[in-house]
Protein backbone atom coordinates (compact mmCIF):
# COMPACT_ATOMS: atom_id res chain seq x y z
CA UNK A 1 0.00 0.00 0.00
CA UNK A 2 1.11 3.58 -0.71
CA UNK A 3 1.06 5.98 2.24
CA UNK A 4 1.73 9.70 2.55
CA UNK A 5 3.36 10.37 5.92
CA UNK A 6 2.42 13.49 7.84
CA UNK A 7 3.81 14.04 11.34
CA UNK A 8 6.27 12.22 13.64
CA UNK A 9 5.02 10.11 16.54
CA UNK A 10 6.76 9.06 19.75
CA UNK A 11 8.22 5.57 19.52
CA UNK A 12 9.97 5.94 16.16
CA UNK A 13 6.81 6.06 14.01
CA UNK A 14 5.37 8.54 11.52
CA UNK A 15 1.66 9.14 11.13
CA UNK A 16 0.29 8.20 7.74
CA UNK A 17 -3.17 7.99 6.28
CA UNK A 18 -4.54 5.35 3.92
CA UNK A 19 -8.09 4.29 4.53
CA UNK A 20 -7.58 5.03 8.24
CA UNK A 21 -4.74 5.84 10.59
CA UNK A 22 -1.40 4.09 10.03
CA UNK A 23 1.71 4.23 12.23
CA UNK A 24 4.61 3.86 9.81
CA UNK A 25 8.02 2.59 10.90
CA UNK A 26 11.01 3.67 8.83
CA UNK A 27 9.57 6.82 7.25
CA UNK A 28 10.35 10.54 7.59
CA UNK A 29 7.43 13.00 7.71
CA UNK A 30 6.68 14.28 4.21
CA UNK A 31 7.75 11.10 2.43
CA UNK A 32 5.47 8.95 0.31
CA UNK A 33 6.24 5.30 0.92
CA UNK A 34 5.15 1.83 -0.02
CA UNK A 35 4.60 -0.13 3.17
CA UNK A 36 3.16 -3.40 4.42
CA UNK A 37 0.86 -3.77 7.41
CA UNK A 38 2.58 -5.78 10.16
CA UNK A 39 0.12 -5.30 13.00
CA UNK A 40 -3.53 -4.32 13.44
CA UNK A 41 -4.78 -2.47 16.51
CA UNK A 42 -8.27 -1.34 17.47
CA UNK A 43 -7.86 2.26 16.30
CA UNK A 44 -4.87 2.08 13.95
CA UNK A 45 -2.56 -0.17 11.98
CA UNK A 46 1.23 -0.48 12.12
CA UNK A 47 3.17 -0.63 8.85
CA UNK A 48 6.82 -1.07 7.87
CA UNK A 49 8.38 0.75 4.92
CA UNK A 50 9.27 -1.45 1.96
CA UNK A 51 10.11 1.23 -0.61
CA UNK A 52 10.50 5.03 -0.67
CA UNK A 53 8.50 6.72 -3.43
CA UNK A 54 9.21 10.35 -2.51
CA UNK A 55 12.50 10.64 -0.60
CA UNK A 56 13.04 13.26 2.12
CA UNK A 57 16.20 15.39 1.77
CA UNK A 58 16.86 14.46 5.42
CA UNK A 59 17.21 10.74 4.63
CA UNK A 60 20.78 9.40 4.93
CA UNK A 61 22.32 5.89 4.78
CA UNK A 62 22.44 4.27 8.24
CA UNK A 63 26.03 4.03 9.46
CA UNK A 64 25.58 0.73 11.32
CA UNK A 65 25.36 -2.57 9.37
CA UNK A 66 22.87 -4.04 11.89
CA UNK A 67 20.64 -0.96 12.09
CA UNK A 68 16.96 -1.98 12.07
CA UNK A 69 18.00 -5.52 13.08
CA UNK A 70 19.41 -4.65 16.50
CA UNK A 71 16.90 -2.78 18.67
CA UNK A 72 19.32 -0.15 19.97
CA UNK A 73 18.86 2.68 17.44
CA UNK A 74 15.77 3.98 15.63
CA UNK A 75 16.76 7.13 13.71
CA UNK A 76 20.08 6.40 11.96
CA UNK A 77 18.46 6.90 8.55
CA UNK A 78 17.62 10.52 9.48
CA UNK A 79 20.11 13.41 9.52
CA UNK A 80 20.92 14.46 13.06
CA UNK A 81 19.52 17.98 12.61
CA UNK A 82 16.19 16.48 11.51
CA UNK A 83 16.23 14.01 14.41
CA UNK A 84 16.34 16.93 16.83
CA UNK A 85 13.52 18.74 15.03
CA UNK A 86 11.40 15.58 15.02
CA UNK A 87 11.77 15.25 18.78
CA UNK A 88 10.81 18.88 19.24
CA UNK A 89 7.77 18.44 16.98
CA UNK A 90 6.66 15.41 19.02
CA UNK A 91 7.08 17.39 22.23
CA UNK A 92 5.02 20.32 20.91
CA UNK A 93 2.30 17.93 19.77
CA UNK A 94 2.18 16.32 23.24
CA UNK A 95 1.96 19.78 24.83
CA UNK A 96 -1.02 20.72 22.66
CA UNK A 97 -2.91 17.42 22.97
CA UNK A 98 -2.21 16.44 26.59
CA UNK A 99 -1.19 19.56 28.52
CA UNK A 100 -3.49 21.82 26.45
CA UNK A 101 -0.57 24.25 26.14
CA UNK A 102 0.87 26.15 23.19
CA UNK A 103 4.15 27.18 24.82
CA UNK A 104 7.28 27.33 22.67
CA UNK A 105 10.59 25.55 23.23
CA UNK A 106 13.94 27.09 24.03
CA UNK A 107 17.03 26.03 22.07
CA UNK A 108 17.77 22.29 22.40
CA UNK A 109 20.78 21.05 24.34
CA UNK A 110 22.82 18.70 22.15
CA UNK A 111 26.29 17.18 21.93
CA UNK A 112 28.18 14.60 19.84
CA UNK A 113 25.58 12.15 18.43
CA UNK A 114 28.04 9.22 18.25
CA UNK A 115 30.00 7.12 20.78
CA UNK A 116 28.38 8.91 23.73
CA UNK A 117 27.20 6.00 25.90
CA UNK A 118 29.34 5.18 28.94
CA UNK A 119 26.89 2.55 30.16
CA UNK A 120 25.58 -0.46 28.24
CA UNK A 121 23.52 -3.58 28.99
CA UNK A 122 24.47 -6.57 26.85
CA UNK A 123 22.40 -9.71 26.40
CA UNK A 124 24.02 -13.15 26.21
CA UNK A 125 22.39 -16.03 24.31
CA UNK A 126 22.54 -19.64 25.47
CA UNK A 127 25.18 -20.38 22.85
CA UNK A 128 27.37 -17.48 24.07
CA UNK A 129 26.56 -14.74 21.55
CA UNK A 130 26.80 -11.18 22.93
CA UNK A 131 24.73 -8.29 21.66
CA UNK A 132 21.33 -6.61 21.93
CA UNK A 133 17.88 -8.07 21.55
CA UNK A 134 16.18 -7.89 18.18
CA UNK A 135 13.01 -5.75 18.59
CA UNK A 136 10.10 -7.66 20.15
CA UNK A 137 12.16 -10.84 20.62
CA UNK A 138 14.85 -12.47 22.74
CA UNK A 139 17.02 -13.17 19.71
CA UNK A 140 20.50 -11.74 20.38
CA UNK A 141 21.94 -9.65 17.52
CA UNK A 142 25.74 -9.46 17.46
CA UNK A 143 27.69 -6.46 16.17
CA UNK A 144 31.28 -5.57 15.35
CA UNK A 145 31.08 -2.11 16.91
CA UNK A 146 28.23 -0.15 18.48
CA UNK A 147 28.42 3.38 17.10
CA UNK A 148 26.70 5.01 20.07
CA UNK A 149 28.89 3.28 22.71
CA UNK A 150 32.17 4.60 24.10
CA UNK A 151 35.12 3.21 22.05
CA UNK A 152 36.83 1.67 25.11
CA UNK A 153 33.65 -0.22 25.99
CA UNK A 154 33.57 -1.50 22.41
CA UNK A 155 37.10 -2.84 22.89
CA UNK A 156 36.02 -4.68 26.04
CA UNK A 157 33.04 -6.17 24.21
CA UNK A 158 35.32 -7.40 21.43
CA UNK A 159 37.51 -9.22 23.94
CA UNK A 160 34.49 -10.77 25.64
CA UNK A 161 33.21 -12.00 22.29
CA UNK A 162 36.55 -13.59 21.45
CA UNK A 163 36.55 -15.49 24.76
CA UNK A 164 33.21 -17.24 24.18
CA UNK A 165 33.25 -18.94 27.63
CA UNK A 166 30.00 -17.36 28.82
CA UNK A 167 28.06 -20.39 30.05
CA UNK A 168 25.33 -19.45 32.53
CA UNK A 169 25.57 -15.68 31.92
CA UNK A 170 22.38 -13.84 30.92
CA UNK A 171 23.43 -10.19 30.92
CA UNK A 172 26.64 -8.15 31.14
CA UNK A 173 26.27 -4.53 32.28
CA UNK A 174 29.34 -2.39 31.60
CA UNK A 175 30.07 1.08 33.01
CA UNK A 176 33.00 3.30 32.11
CA UNK A 177 34.58 6.08 34.14
CA UNK A 178 38.25 6.11 35.06
CA UNK A 179 38.04 2.31 34.69
CA UNK A 180 35.48 -0.16 33.30
CA UNK A 181 33.46 -2.28 35.72
CA UNK A 182 30.80 -4.92 35.19
CA UNK A 183 27.69 -6.29 36.77
CA UNK A 184 26.97 -9.86 35.69
CA UNK A 185 23.47 -11.34 35.78
CA UNK A 186 23.82 -15.12 35.75
CA UNK A 187 22.61 -18.48 36.95
CA UNK A 188 25.23 -20.96 38.15
CA UNK A 189 28.68 -20.06 36.84
CA UNK A 190 32.28 -21.10 37.43
CA UNK A 191 33.43 -18.00 39.34
CA UNK A 192 37.12 -18.70 38.79
CA UNK A 193 36.68 -18.94 35.02
CA UNK A 194 34.42 -15.89 35.05
CA UNK A 195 37.04 -13.82 36.91
CA UNK A 196 39.69 -14.83 34.39
CA UNK A 197 37.41 -13.93 31.48
CA UNK A 198 36.54 -10.49 32.85
CA UNK A 199 40.07 -9.61 33.95
CA UNK A 200 41.37 -10.68 30.55
CA UNK A 201 38.89 -8.28 28.97
CA UNK A 202 40.27 -5.28 30.93
CA UNK A 203 37.39 -5.10 33.42
CA UNK A 204 38.82 -3.82 36.70
CA UNK A 205 36.09 -5.00 39.06
CA UNK A 206 32.82 -6.89 38.92
CA UNK A 207 29.63 -7.73 40.78
CA UNK A 208 28.00 -11.12 40.21
CA UNK A 209 24.26 -10.59 40.64
CA UNK A 210 24.43 -8.58 43.89
CA UNK A 211 27.76 -9.73 45.40
CA UNK A 212 31.27 -8.46 44.67
CA UNK A 213 33.06 -10.97 42.45
CA UNK A 214 36.50 -9.34 42.45
CA UNK A 215 38.30 -6.00 42.45
CA UNK A 216 36.87 -2.60 43.29
CA UNK A 217 33.54 -2.46 41.42
CA UNK A 218 33.34 1.33 41.33
CA UNK A 219 34.02 3.96 38.71
CA UNK A 220 34.86 7.64 39.12
CA UNK A 221 33.48 10.14 36.65
CA UNK A 222 34.88 13.68 36.40
CA UNK A 223 32.27 16.26 37.34
CA UNK A 224 33.77 19.50 36.03
CA UNK A 225 31.15 22.19 35.48
CA UNK A 226 31.44 25.85 34.67
CA UNK A 227 31.12 28.61 32.12
CA UNK A 228 32.45 32.09 31.39
CA UNK A 229 29.90 33.66 33.74
CA UNK A 230 30.09 31.08 36.54
CA UNK A 231 33.03 29.81 38.63
CA UNK A 232 34.16 26.32 37.68
CA UNK A 233 33.07 23.53 40.02
CA UNK A 234 34.98 20.27 40.21
CA UNK A 235 33.90 17.10 42.02
CA UNK A 236 34.59 13.37 42.12
CA UNK A 237 31.50 11.34 41.25
CA UNK A 238 32.00 7.74 42.37
CA UNK A 239 29.37 5.06 41.79
CA UNK A 240 29.20 1.30 42.15
CA UNK A 241 28.55 -1.16 39.33
CA UNK A 242 24.81 -1.30 38.74
CA UNK A 243 24.02 2.18 40.07
CA UNK A 244 22.21 4.31 37.50
CA UNK A 245 23.97 7.34 36.04
CA UNK A 246 23.43 9.41 32.91
CA UNK A 247 25.17 7.40 30.21
CA UNK A 248 25.68 10.47 28.01
CA UNK A 249 28.05 11.98 30.54
CA UNK A 250 29.33 14.81 28.37
CA UNK A 251 25.82 16.15 27.75
CA UNK A 252 24.92 15.51 31.38
CA UNK A 253 27.64 17.97 32.45
CA UNK A 254 26.25 20.57 30.03
CA UNK A 255 22.79 19.97 31.50
CA UNK A 256 24.06 20.44 35.05
CA UNK A 257 25.70 23.70 34.03
CA UNK A 258 22.44 24.91 32.50
CA UNK A 259 20.46 24.03 35.64
CA UNK A 260 23.03 25.72 37.86
CA UNK A 261 22.61 28.88 35.82
CA UNK A 262 18.91 28.99 36.73
CA UNK A 263 19.57 28.11 40.37
CA UNK A 264 22.25 30.76 40.78
CA UNK A 265 19.82 33.43 39.60
CA UNK A 266 17.16 32.20 42.05
CA UNK A 267 19.67 32.14 44.96
CA UNK A 268 17.78 29.52 47.04
CA UNK A 269 18.25 28.85 50.74
CA UNK A 270 16.99 25.25 50.50
CA UNK A 271 16.67 22.80 47.60
CA UNK A 272 14.85 19.47 47.65
CA UNK A 273 16.10 16.93 45.08
CA UNK A 274 13.65 14.05 44.47
CA UNK A 275 14.82 10.89 42.63
CA UNK A 276 18.33 12.11 43.44
CA UNK A 277 20.34 9.03 42.47
CA UNK A 278 23.90 9.22 43.76
CA UNK A 279 23.87 13.02 43.81
CA UNK A 280 24.18 13.93 40.14
CA UNK A 281 22.44 17.25 40.85
CA UNK A 282 22.55 17.45 44.65
CA UNK A 283 26.35 17.60 44.72
CA UNK A 284 26.87 20.58 42.36
CA UNK A 285 23.71 22.34 43.61
CA UNK A 286 25.22 22.31 47.11
CA UNK A 287 27.59 25.09 46.00
CA UNK A 288 24.64 27.42 45.34
CA UNK A 289 22.32 26.65 48.26
CA UNK A 290 22.64 26.70 52.02
CA UNK A 291 20.98 23.26 52.31
CA UNK A 292 20.08 20.40 49.94
CA UNK A 293 17.87 17.43 50.83
CA UNK A 294 18.35 14.49 48.45
CA UNK A 295 15.66 11.78 48.35
CA UNK A 296 16.49 8.47 46.66
CA UNK A 297 14.66 5.15 46.85
CA UNK A 298 17.49 2.85 45.76
CA UNK A 299 19.69 2.01 48.78
CA UNK A 300 22.82 1.38 46.68
CA UNK A 301 22.52 4.73 44.91
CA UNK A 302 21.79 6.44 48.23
CA UNK A 303 24.89 4.88 49.78
CA UNK A 304 26.98 5.96 46.78
CA UNK A 305 25.60 9.47 47.22
CA UNK A 306 26.59 9.64 50.88
CA UNK A 307 30.07 8.37 50.00
CA UNK A 308 30.32 11.13 47.38
CA UNK A 309 29.58 13.72 50.05
CA UNK A 310 32.53 12.44 52.07
CA UNK A 311 34.82 12.27 49.04
CA UNK A 312 34.04 15.88 48.17
CA UNK A 313 33.95 17.21 51.73
CA UNK A 314 30.35 18.41 51.34
CA UNK A 315 28.43 19.04 54.56
CA UNK A 316 25.23 20.81 53.50
CA UNK A 317 23.58 17.86 51.71
CA UNK A 318 21.45 15.27 53.49
CA UNK A 319 20.42 12.00 51.82
CA UNK A 320 17.12 10.30 52.69
CA UNK A 321 16.62 6.70 51.53
CA UNK A 322 12.91 6.53 50.72
CA UNK A 323 10.41 6.83 47.89
CA UNK A 324 9.48 10.29 46.70
CA UNK A 325 5.91 9.48 47.73
CA UNK A 326 7.03 9.33 51.34
CA UNK A 327 8.61 12.77 51.55
CA UNK A 328 7.61 14.93 54.51
CA UNK A 329 5.41 17.75 53.23
CA UNK A 330 6.57 19.94 56.11
CA UNK A 331 9.88 20.43 54.31
CA UNK A 332 9.96 23.93 52.92
CA UNK A 333 12.21 24.42 49.91
CA UNK A 334 12.65 27.31 47.49
CA UNK A 335 13.27 24.86 44.64
CA UNK A 336 12.19 21.24 44.22
CA UNK A 337 14.00 19.22 41.56
CA UNK A 338 12.23 16.13 40.19
CA UNK A 339 13.80 13.59 37.85
CA UNK A 340 11.27 10.72 37.81
CA UNK A 341 11.37 7.48 35.77
CA UNK A 342 9.42 7.13 32.52
CA UNK A 343 6.05 6.79 34.24
CA UNK A 344 6.45 10.35 35.51
CA UNK A 345 5.14 11.66 38.83
CA UNK A 346 2.55 9.70 40.73
CA UNK A 347 -0.56 11.56 41.83
CA UNK A 348 0.75 11.32 45.39
CA UNK A 349 3.95 13.15 44.46
CA UNK A 350 2.07 15.78 42.46
CA UNK A 351 -0.25 16.41 45.40
CA UNK A 352 2.72 16.71 47.75
CA UNK A 353 4.45 19.16 45.43
CA UNK A 354 1.32 21.31 45.35
CA UNK A 355 1.04 21.10 49.15
CA UNK A 356 4.69 22.06 49.67
CA UNK A 357 4.32 25.00 47.26
CA UNK A 358 7.94 25.69 46.28
CA UNK A 359 8.49 28.88 44.34
CA UNK A 360 10.22 26.87 41.59
CA UNK A 361 10.04 23.29 40.25
CA UNK A 362 12.82 21.99 38.02
CA UNK A 363 11.42 18.99 36.15
CA UNK A 364 13.73 16.61 34.26
CA UNK A 365 11.66 14.22 32.18
CA UNK A 366 12.51 11.17 30.05
CA UNK A 367 9.01 10.84 28.58
CA UNK A 368 7.16 13.72 26.88
CA UNK A 369 3.77 12.07 27.33
CA UNK A 370 3.99 11.73 31.11
CA UNK A 371 5.66 15.14 31.41
CA UNK A 372 2.70 16.76 29.65
CA UNK A 373 0.25 14.79 31.78
CA UNK A 374 1.99 16.03 34.94
CA UNK A 375 2.26 19.56 33.58
CA UNK A 376 -1.50 19.68 33.05
CA UNK A 377 -1.97 19.12 36.81
CA UNK A 378 0.88 21.37 37.95
CA UNK A 379 -0.23 24.19 35.64
CA UNK A 380 -3.07 24.93 38.05
CA UNK A 381 -0.48 26.72 40.17
CA UNK A 382 2.67 26.85 38.02
CA UNK A 383 3.61 28.38 34.69
CA UNK A 384 6.41 27.26 32.39
CA UNK A 385 9.35 29.64 32.52
CA UNK A 386 11.44 27.51 30.14
CA UNK A 387 11.15 24.16 28.37
CA UNK A 388 13.71 22.56 26.06
CA UNK A 389 14.77 19.26 24.55
CA UNK A 390 17.82 17.58 26.09
CA UNK A 391 18.94 15.07 23.46
CA UNK A 392 20.56 12.49 25.74
CA UNK A 393 20.07 9.63 23.28
CA UNK A 394 20.84 10.59 19.65
CA UNK A 395 19.94 8.01 16.97
CA UNK A 396 17.03 6.84 19.15
CA UNK A 397 13.46 8.05 19.57
CA UNK A 398 13.95 8.75 23.29
CA UNK A 399 13.16 12.30 24.41
CA UNK A 400 14.36 14.08 27.54
CA UNK A 401 13.09 17.49 28.58
CA UNK A 402 14.09 20.18 31.05
CA UNK A 403 11.18 22.20 32.36
CA UNK A 404 11.57 25.22 34.64
CA UNK A 405 8.25 25.92 36.39
CA UNK A 406 7.52 29.03 38.42
CA UNK A 407 4.63 29.56 40.81
CA UNK A 408 1.95 31.83 39.35
CA UNK A 409 1.33 35.23 40.86
CA UNK A 410 -2.28 35.06 42.05
């Protein structure tokens, strides 16, 4: 069937129309394509491009030989400039449909679109193949080099692939800072052989499931932040294998600098950081506020955060190991930072934010749909001072946003 594509959709699709609504995979808005229906839903159909009739000037050859086979990337056939615009268009559409808002976006925050990931989760097949899952399956797709992964991690993967003694291993999680560490998810394994394999692949320390296997399973990431109009801040950011951190570390530092610029102008006495992780924002924000309260549910991340306070000789940050839903509403903060998972803020958290009534809310989102849903509720009392795309994951459809919300003057 021939389809004219219209607008981009979240999830790597483009909206097309042909005797009803069609979600087209592999098209760029404005293209006319020949596609086949691969799935039928109640209100729409899903189609995959078979041939391009009218080619977009933004279409480019994918750089990776396993693109569209491996499930890691979605947009490699689109020029990077157009990828960014597509994500902005999706965000604006979500704002109009869900948040009922016609606000504009500030300039996007972007960085190098290749080799940016310092954290990767590899799948291991029963016959020892290492790679990523094919979309909608558990079939492991191997690759020579992942073009969005840090080159040193790619070298480690190559050595692991050459070893092939991976019996019992299900997943290998690699993290790179000053060294490379691993977390291994496995059933019964020969620990001695596993240690030899990992050490021989230049992995300095490892955790097997939840126990230390060998070495020092921590990495240190440089946290150097500053600009021409702000003094440079420098910290050690140390996290254990398995603790979440922003895998696009270079862009993460730019993001922190941007947030600090807003916070410096606000000059807060107290900041509350919800979903704080190991202190990615709490640590640098401590230089601009008298007190920071960091709330983190994961005990390992919370422990890493407290260790980071000691390493950096920081005394005005307090970590609380609990869910954001359990935060004491008696805490009074000038700014509340929220960085929730993809499902966004629960109604409990939104109600607590409204009850606590901070002057400012800084909202980091990894899902435009849930951000706009939350914004619709928060907009009863808050207006958007700034909203922009943070392109943490180039070549993929994932969208991150930074929203600066200010309490309305009633």
